[in-house]
Amino acid sequence: MFRTKRSGLVRRLWRSRAPVEGDGETDRGTHGSGGCCMGKTTKVAKSNAGSEAELKALTHSILKKIKEKQLEVLLQAVESKGGARSPCLLLPSKVDAKVGQQSYSLPMLLYKVFRWPDLRHSSELKRLSCCESYGKINPELVCCNPHHMSRLCELESPPPPYSRYPMDYLKPPDSLALQESGERAHWCVVAYWEEKTRVGRLYSVQEPSLDIFYDLPQGNGFCLGQLCSENKSPLVQMVRAKIGYGIQLTREPDGVWVYNRSCYPIFIKSATLDNPDSRTLLVHKVFPGFSIKAFDYDKAGSLQRPNDHEFTQQPRTGFTVQISFVKGWGQCYTRQFISSCPCWLEVIFNTR
């Protein structure tokens, strides 16, 4: 009975592996082209029957050595595609596996099999802050949960060095403060918009991490699906339904990171992602499963001028990040302004 259940878990895991191009199941939101800047992706040709069989045999062999409870944790994460909260999967980090001529660590193999078949090196990855292994260097046991990881979104070209300017230049006047009397200190507030109309109240964020979603199995955060919207536009309704697991907004020591948990691209505009001297900031396309540092604390103190967000109620655009779901805007798109996008967010940072 013990072996039967273990074997069943292994078979279910293999059936839930990430598809590669040619399987006919590849998520259309995972790869693609277009946009000014995007997550760096590499298309992977469908493997031949020999290498596929080798990978299957190796994966089965490794999974069968993992404890049954750990297999259940992995299966929960993989089948829910990260939608269900799952604990860390702590396994030895120095166990190597070989596929053809290529050797992979155990974590890398599981990340390739269950999330990113095109993954080549651990430097392409960013561990999410919810993970026990976050911030730890070379531990003997490392979390191998594929949904405790994200891919790093690499910009097409890095911005040039920034010139130092005093932070006081960028701080908004006190008359623009959003914090209400008696409210616990927040580090940002989030506004949700549908085209030119803000929907719902400003959402004040005190915790280090916030999920913003439309439909998340175990969602805890800013649920856009619970907001009352009067917009009957078919496009808005279509995009709203595609938000799904949405994004995760996280305040970390080096800045604020955005992780795309949905099945479709998101688009981000931020002053710290580009050359602050440029007349128009680029809109960055971030694919599903990718993370991007949307706001850099050090660079924010070096801005020569506020950025050029054209649609905001607060005139402190140097500390605002705009995020659109599914549809892009700007010089690479038919929509020139974010206010033409069906569903989008404005993240306004508290700099005091």
Protein backbone atom coordinates (compact mmCIF):
# COMPACT_ATOMS: atom_id res chain seq x y z
CA MET A 1 0.00 0.00 0.00
CA PHE A 2 2.85 2.36 0.87
CA ARG A 3 4.52 1.86 -2.50
CA THR A 4 1.23 2.10 -4.38
CA LYS A 5 0.43 5.52 -2.93
CA ARG A 6 3.98 6.77 -3.49
CA SER A 7 3.95 5.55 -7.09
CA GLY A 8 0.58 7.21 -7.63
CA LEU A 9 1.90 10.53 -6.36
CA VAL A 10 4.93 10.26 -8.64
CA ARG A 11 2.73 9.53 -11.67
CA ARG A 12 0.47 12.49 -10.88
CA LEU A 13 3.51 14.74 -10.54
CA TRP A 14 4.91 13.65 -13.88
CA ARG A 15 1.56 14.32 -15.57
CA SER A 16 1.64 17.83 -14.05
CA ARG A 17 5.09 18.71 -15.38
CA ALA A 18 5.56 21.97 -17.27
CA PRO A 19 4.86 21.57 -21.00
CA VAL A 20 7.53 22.40 -23.56
CA GLU A 21 6.92 23.85 -26.99
CA GLY A 22 5.41 21.23 -29.23
CA ASP A 23 3.32 19.59 -26.51
CA GLY A 24 0.29 21.61 -27.58
CA GLU A 25 -0.24 22.66 -23.98
CA THR A 26 2.21 25.54 -23.61
CA ASP A 27 0.58 28.46 -21.85
CA ARG A 28 0.14 31.15 -24.46
CA GLY A 29 0.91 33.71 -21.82
CA THR A 30 4.32 32.24 -21.00
CA HIS A 31 6.21 33.08 -24.17
CA GLY A 32 5.84 35.62 -26.89
CA SER A 33 7.22 38.78 -28.33
CA GLY A 34 6.32 42.40 -28.38
CA GLY A 35 6.76 45.25 -25.98
CA CYS A 36 9.79 47.34 -25.23
CA CYS A 37 11.29 45.29 -22.44
CA MET A 38 10.35 41.89 -21.21
CA GLY A 39 11.30 38.85 -19.22
CA LYS A 40 14.09 37.03 -20.96
CA THR A 41 12.64 33.83 -22.36
CA THR A 42 14.06 31.14 -24.58
CA LYS A 43 11.84 28.85 -26.57
CA VAL A 44 12.55 25.20 -26.01
CA ALA A 45 12.04 22.72 -28.78
CA LYS A 46 10.18 19.57 -27.86
CA SER A 47 12.72 17.00 -26.78
CA ASN A 48 13.16 13.81 -28.75
CA ALA A 49 11.75 10.53 -27.50
CA GLY A 50 15.13 9.38 -26.13
CA SER A 51 15.83 12.43 -23.97
CA GLU A 52 12.19 12.56 -22.86
CA ALA A 53 12.38 8.96 -21.69
CA GLU A 54 15.67 9.66 -19.93
CA LEU A 55 14.25 12.70 -18.16
CA LYS A 56 11.16 10.74 -17.12
CA ALA A 57 13.23 7.86 -15.73
CA LEU A 58 15.51 10.24 -13.83
CA THR A 59 12.63 12.29 -12.42
CA HIS A 60 10.77 9.16 -11.30
CA SER A 61 13.92 7.81 -9.69
CA ILE A 62 14.50 11.03 -7.72
CA LEU A 63 10.87 11.52 -6.72
CA LYS A 64 10.64 7.97 -5.37
CA LYS A 65 13.43 8.79 -2.91
CA ILE A 66 11.50 11.73 -1.49
CA LYS A 67 9.31 11.22 1.57
CA GLU A 68 5.62 10.73 0.94
CA LYS A 69 4.60 13.86 2.85
CA GLN A 70 7.07 15.88 0.79
CA LEU A 71 5.64 14.45 -2.42
CA GLU A 72 2.21 15.60 -1.28
CA VAL A 73 3.59 19.11 -0.65
CA LEU A 74 5.14 19.18 -4.13
CA LEU A 75 1.96 17.88 -5.74
CA GLN A 76 -0.15 20.51 -3.97
CA ALA A 77 2.10 23.29 -5.25
CA VAL A 78 2.33 21.95 -8.79
CA GLU A 79 -1.34 21.06 -9.33
CA SER A 80 -2.55 24.40 -7.95
CA LYS A 81 0.12 26.23 -9.99
CA GLY A 82 1.11 28.14 -6.88
CA GLY A 83 -2.45 29.16 -6.05
CA ALA A 84 -2.62 27.10 -2.86
CA ARG A 85 -0.28 27.94 -0.01
CA SER A 86 2.30 25.19 0.25
CA PRO A 87 5.17 24.81 2.72
CA CYS A 88 8.82 24.61 1.80
CA LEU A 89 10.15 21.38 0.31
CA LEU A 90 13.52 21.10 2.05
CA LEU A 91 15.87 18.70 0.27
CA PRO A 92 19.68 18.26 0.01
CA SER A 93 21.09 20.99 -2.22
CA LYS A 94 24.21 19.12 -3.31
CA VAL A 95 22.57 16.11 -4.95
CA ASP A 96 23.30 16.26 -8.69
CA ALA A 97 21.29 14.73 -11.52
CA LYS A 98 22.50 14.24 -15.08
CA VAL A 99 20.38 14.47 -18.22
CA GLY A 100 22.44 13.65 -21.29
CA GLN A 101 25.69 15.63 -20.97
CA GLN A 102 24.18 18.22 -18.63
CA SER A 103 24.33 18.02 -14.84
CA TYR A 104 21.78 19.76 -12.63
CA SER A 105 21.40 20.20 -8.91
CA LEU A 106 18.28 18.63 -7.43
CA PRO A 107 16.51 22.02 -7.04
CA MET A 108 17.34 23.01 -10.63
CA LEU A 109 16.01 19.73 -11.99
CA LEU A 110 12.68 20.16 -10.18
CA TYR A 111 12.41 23.79 -11.31
CA LYS A 112 13.01 22.73 -14.93
CA VAL A 113 10.60 19.81 -14.83
CA PHE A 114 7.73 21.55 -13.09
CA ARG A 115 8.02 25.20 -14.13
CA TRP A 116 10.60 26.30 -16.69
CA PRO A 117 11.93 23.73 -19.20
CA ASP A 118 14.15 26.48 -20.70
CA LEU A 119 15.88 27.25 -17.38
CA ARG A 120 19.67 27.13 -17.74
CA HIS A 121 21.25 28.55 -14.61
CA SER A 122 20.31 29.40 -11.04
CA SER A 123 21.31 33.04 -11.69
CA GLU A 124 18.08 33.37 -13.68
CA LEU A 125 16.04 32.74 -10.55
CA LYS A 126 14.81 34.80 -7.61
CA ARG A 127 13.56 33.14 -4.45
CA LEU A 128 10.28 34.54 -3.14
CA SER A 129 10.31 36.11 0.31
CA CYS A 130 7.73 33.60 1.62
CA CYS A 131 10.34 30.82 1.35
CA GLU A 132 12.35 29.56 4.36
CA SER A 133 15.50 29.55 2.22
CA TYR A 134 15.09 33.25 1.34
CA GLY A 135 18.30 35.15 2.10
CA LYS A 136 20.25 32.04 3.13
CA ILE A 137 23.52 31.23 1.38
CA ASN A 138 24.36 27.62 0.50
CA PRO A 139 22.35 25.84 3.19
CA GLU A 140 22.65 22.04 3.34
CA LEU A 141 18.90 21.77 2.91
CA VAL A 142 17.34 24.12 0.36
CA CYS A 143 13.71 24.62 -0.57
CA CYS A 144 12.92 22.88 -3.86
CA ASN A 145 9.29 24.00 -4.06
CA PRO A 146 9.06 25.28 -7.67
CA HIS A 147 6.40 27.82 -6.69
CA HIS A 148 8.63 29.41 -4.07
CA MET A 149 10.76 30.65 -6.97
CA SER A 150 10.38 33.17 -9.77
CA ARG A 151 12.33 34.02 -12.90
CA LEU A 152 14.22 37.30 -12.99
CA CYS A 153 12.97 39.77 -15.55
CA GLU A 154 16.04 41.12 -17.35
CA LEU A 155 15.76 44.48 -19.02
CA GLU A 156 16.91 44.73 -22.62
CA SER A 157 19.48 47.35 -21.66
CA PRO A 158 20.41 48.60 -18.18
CA PRO A 159 19.89 52.27 -17.35
CA PRO A 160 23.02 54.43 -17.14
CA PRO A 161 24.50 55.51 -13.80
CA TYR A 162 22.33 57.86 -11.79
CA SER A 163 23.44 61.25 -10.45
CA ARG A 164 22.86 61.74 -6.74
CA TYR A 165 20.13 64.15 -5.69
CA PRO A 166 18.80 64.81 -2.19
CA MET A 167 15.83 62.66 -1.16
CA ASP A 168 14.08 65.77 0.17
CA TYR A 169 13.68 66.96 -3.43
CA LEU A 170 11.41 63.99 -4.11
CA LYS A 171 9.32 64.01 -0.94
CA PRO A 172 5.71 65.13 -1.33
CA PRO A 173 4.40 67.97 0.82
CA ASP A 174 2.58 66.96 4.01
CA SER A 175 -0.78 68.24 2.61
CA LEU A 176 -0.72 65.23 0.25
CA ALA A 177 -0.37 62.63 3.00
CA LEU A 178 -2.65 59.61 2.59
CA GLN A 179 -2.28 58.23 6.07
CA GLU A 180 -5.39 58.85 8.14
CA SER A 181 -5.25 59.86 11.76
CA GLY A 182 -4.70 56.86 14.02
CA GLU A 183 -3.97 54.45 11.15
CA ARG A 184 -0.99 52.12 11.43
CA ALA A 185 1.98 53.23 9.32
CA HIS A 186 1.81 52.01 5.73
CA TRP A 187 4.59 51.75 3.16
CA CYS A 188 2.34 52.13 0.14
CA VAL A 189 -1.27 52.38 -0.98
CA VAL A 190 -2.75 50.69 -4.04
CA ALA A 191 -5.49 52.06 -6.30
CA TYR A 192 -7.32 49.87 -8.82
CA TRP A 193 -8.55 51.47 -12.04
CA GLU A 194 -10.70 50.40 -14.97
CA GLU A 195 -9.82 52.75 -17.80
CA LYS A 196 -10.34 56.29 -16.41
CA THR A 197 -12.39 55.24 -13.38
CA ARG A 198 -11.01 54.24 -10.02
CA VAL A 199 -12.86 51.26 -8.55
CA GLY A 200 -13.09 50.82 -4.80
CA ARG A 201 -11.10 52.53 -2.09
CA LEU A 202 -7.38 53.06 -1.74
CA TYR A 203 -5.88 49.92 -0.22
CA SER A 204 -3.34 50.73 2.49
CA VAL A 205 -0.46 48.23 2.82
CA GLN A 206 1.27 47.62 6.14
CA GLU A 207 2.53 44.04 5.72
CA PRO A 208 5.79 43.41 3.80
CA SER A 209 3.99 41.37 1.13
CA LEU A 210 0.61 41.81 -0.56
CA ASP A 211 -1.31 39.58 -2.97
CA ILE A 212 -3.43 41.50 -5.48
CA PHE A 213 -5.72 39.11 -7.32
CA TYR A 214 -9.10 38.51 -8.88
CA ASP A 215 -9.48 34.81 -8.09
CA LEU A 216 -6.98 33.03 -5.84
CA PRO A 217 -7.88 29.70 -4.11
CA GLN A 218 -6.37 30.79 -0.79
CA GLY A 219 -6.20 34.51 -1.39
CA ASN A 220 -5.43 36.89 1.43
CA GLY A 221 -4.93 40.51 0.42
CA PHE A 222 -6.48 42.89 -2.10
CA CYS A 223 -9.21 40.93 -3.91
CA LEU A 224 -10.27 42.83 -7.03
CA GLY A 225 -13.11 40.36 -7.58
CA GLN A 226 -14.90 41.69 -4.52
CA LEU A 227 -14.96 45.27 -5.76
CA CYS A 228 -18.19 46.67 -7.14
CA SER A 229 -17.60 47.86 -10.69
CA GLU A 230 -20.19 49.43 -12.95
CA ASN A 231 -18.04 49.13 -16.08
CA LYS A 232 -19.89 46.98 -18.63
CA SER A 233 -17.24 47.14 -21.35
CA PRO A 234 -16.69 43.65 -22.84
CA LEU A 235 -12.93 44.29 -22.97
CA VAL A 236 -12.79 45.30 -19.31
CA GLN A 237 -14.80 42.24 -18.31
CA MET A 238 -12.57 39.96 -20.39
CA VAL A 239 -9.34 41.35 -18.93
CA ARG A 240 -10.79 41.35 -15.40
CA ALA A 241 -11.47 37.61 -15.73
CA LYS A 242 -7.87 37.03 -16.88
CA ILE A 243 -6.29 38.65 -13.81
CA GLY A 244 -6.62 35.32 -11.98
CA TYR A 245 -3.89 34.90 -9.36
CA GLY A 246 -2.71 38.44 -10.14
CA ILE A 247 0.53 39.74 -8.70
CA GLN A 248 2.49 39.71 -5.47
CA LEU A 249 3.90 43.02 -4.29
CA THR A 250 6.80 42.66 -1.84
CA ARG A 251 8.89 45.20 0.06
CA GLU A 252 12.45 43.87 0.34
CA PRO A 253 15.74 45.40 1.56
CA ASP A 254 16.74 46.59 -1.93
CA GLY A 255 13.37 47.80 -3.15
CA VAL A 256 9.87 46.74 -4.08
CA TRP A 257 9.47 43.62 -6.22
CA VAL A 258 6.50 42.57 -8.33
CA TYR A 259 5.94 38.87 -9.05
CA ASN A 260 3.53 37.97 -11.85
CA ARG A 261 1.44 35.06 -10.55
CA SER A 262 -1.14 35.22 -13.34
CA CYS A 263 -1.25 33.32 -16.64
CA TYR A 264 -0.87 36.48 -18.75
CA PRO A 265 1.73 39.24 -19.05
CA ILE A 266 1.62 42.38 -16.95
CA PHE A 267 3.07 45.75 -17.92
CA ILE A 268 4.98 48.06 -15.58
CA LYS A 269 6.13 51.66 -15.72
CA SER A 270 8.47 53.03 -13.06
CA ALA A 271 10.99 55.85 -12.89
CA THR A 272 13.67 53.59 -11.39
CA LEU A 273 13.52 51.08 -14.27
CA ASP A 274 14.82 53.53 -16.87
CA ASN A 275 17.10 56.42 -17.60
CA PRO A 276 15.60 59.32 -15.60
CA ASP A 277 16.78 61.78 -18.27
CA SER A 278 14.68 60.17 -21.01
CA ARG A 279 11.66 62.14 -22.14
CA THR A 280 9.37 59.10 -22.00
CA LEU A 281 9.75 56.08 -19.74
CA LEU A 282 9.46 52.61 -21.24
CA VAL A 283 6.69 50.22 -20.33
CA HIS A 284 8.17 46.87 -19.29
CA LYS A 285 6.46 43.60 -20.17
CA VAL A 286 6.71 40.93 -17.48
CA PHE A 287 5.72 37.37 -18.35
CA PRO A 288 3.97 34.90 -16.02
CA GLY A 289 6.28 33.47 -13.37
CA PHE A 290 8.73 36.38 -13.63
CA SER A 291 9.72 38.97 -11.01
CA ILE A 292 10.95 42.52 -11.54
CA LYS A 293 12.29 45.12 -9.13
CA ALA A 294 9.65 47.71 -9.84
CA PHE A 295 10.99 50.31 -7.42
CA ASP A 296 14.64 50.69 -6.40
CA TYR A 297 15.26 52.64 -3.19
CA ASP A 298 18.78 53.75 -4.09
CA LYS A 299 17.83 54.90 -7.58
CA ALA A 300 14.80 56.74 -6.24
CA GLY A 301 17.18 58.98 -4.31
CA SER A 302 19.00 59.76 -7.56
CA LEU A 303 16.15 60.89 -9.79
CA GLN A 304 16.70 64.20 -11.53
CA ARG A 305 12.99 64.73 -11.99
CA PRO A 306 9.69 63.03 -11.28
CA ASN A 307 8.64 60.54 -13.92
CA ASP A 308 5.95 61.22 -16.47
CA HIS A 309 2.86 59.33 -15.39
CA GLU A 310 0.06 61.14 -17.12
CA PHE A 311 -2.88 60.00 -15.03
CA THR A 312 -2.80 60.17 -11.25
CA GLN A 313 -4.71 61.96 -8.55
CA GLN A 314 -1.55 62.58 -6.52
CA PRO A 315 1.15 64.84 -8.05
CA ARG A 316 4.01 62.80 -6.63
CA THR A 317 4.65 60.64 -9.64
CA GLY A 318 8.31 60.10 -8.80
CA PHE A 319 7.11 57.60 -6.19
CA THR A 320 4.38 55.92 -8.19
CA VAL A 321 4.47 52.65 -10.13
CA GLN A 322 1.79 51.80 -12.67
CA ILE A 323 0.88 48.21 -13.54
CA SER A 324 -1.54 47.06 -16.25
CA PHE A 325 -2.97 43.56 -16.53
CA VAL A 326 -2.86 41.79 -19.94
CA LYS A 327 -2.80 44.97 -22.08
CA GLY A 328 0.21 47.23 -22.57
CA TRP A 329 0.44 50.94 -23.32
CA GLY A 330 3.00 53.50 -24.47
CA GLN A 331 5.13 53.95 -27.56
CA CYS A 332 5.17 50.23 -28.43
CA TYR A 333 1.41 49.78 -28.19
CA THR A 334 -1.80 51.16 -29.71
CA ARG A 335 -2.83 52.54 -26.31
CA GLN A 336 -0.69 55.58 -25.58
CA PHE A 337 -1.87 56.16 -22.01
CA ILE A 338 -2.50 53.78 -19.15
CA SER A 339 -5.92 55.36 -18.69
CA SER A 340 -6.88 53.55 -21.91
CA CYS A 341 -6.00 50.16 -20.39
CA PRO A 342 -8.93 48.02 -19.22
CA CYS A 343 -7.59 47.06 -15.76
CA TRP A 344 -4.62 48.61 -14.02
CA LEU A 345 -3.05 49.49 -10.69
CA GLU A 346 -1.37 52.53 -9.23
CA VAL A 347 1.09 51.83 -6.39
CA ILE A 348 1.82 55.00 -4.43
CA PHE A 349 4.74 54.84 -2.00
CA ASN A 350 4.83 56.47 1.41
CA THR A 351 8.22 58.19 1.51
CA ARG A 352 8.02 59.70 4.97
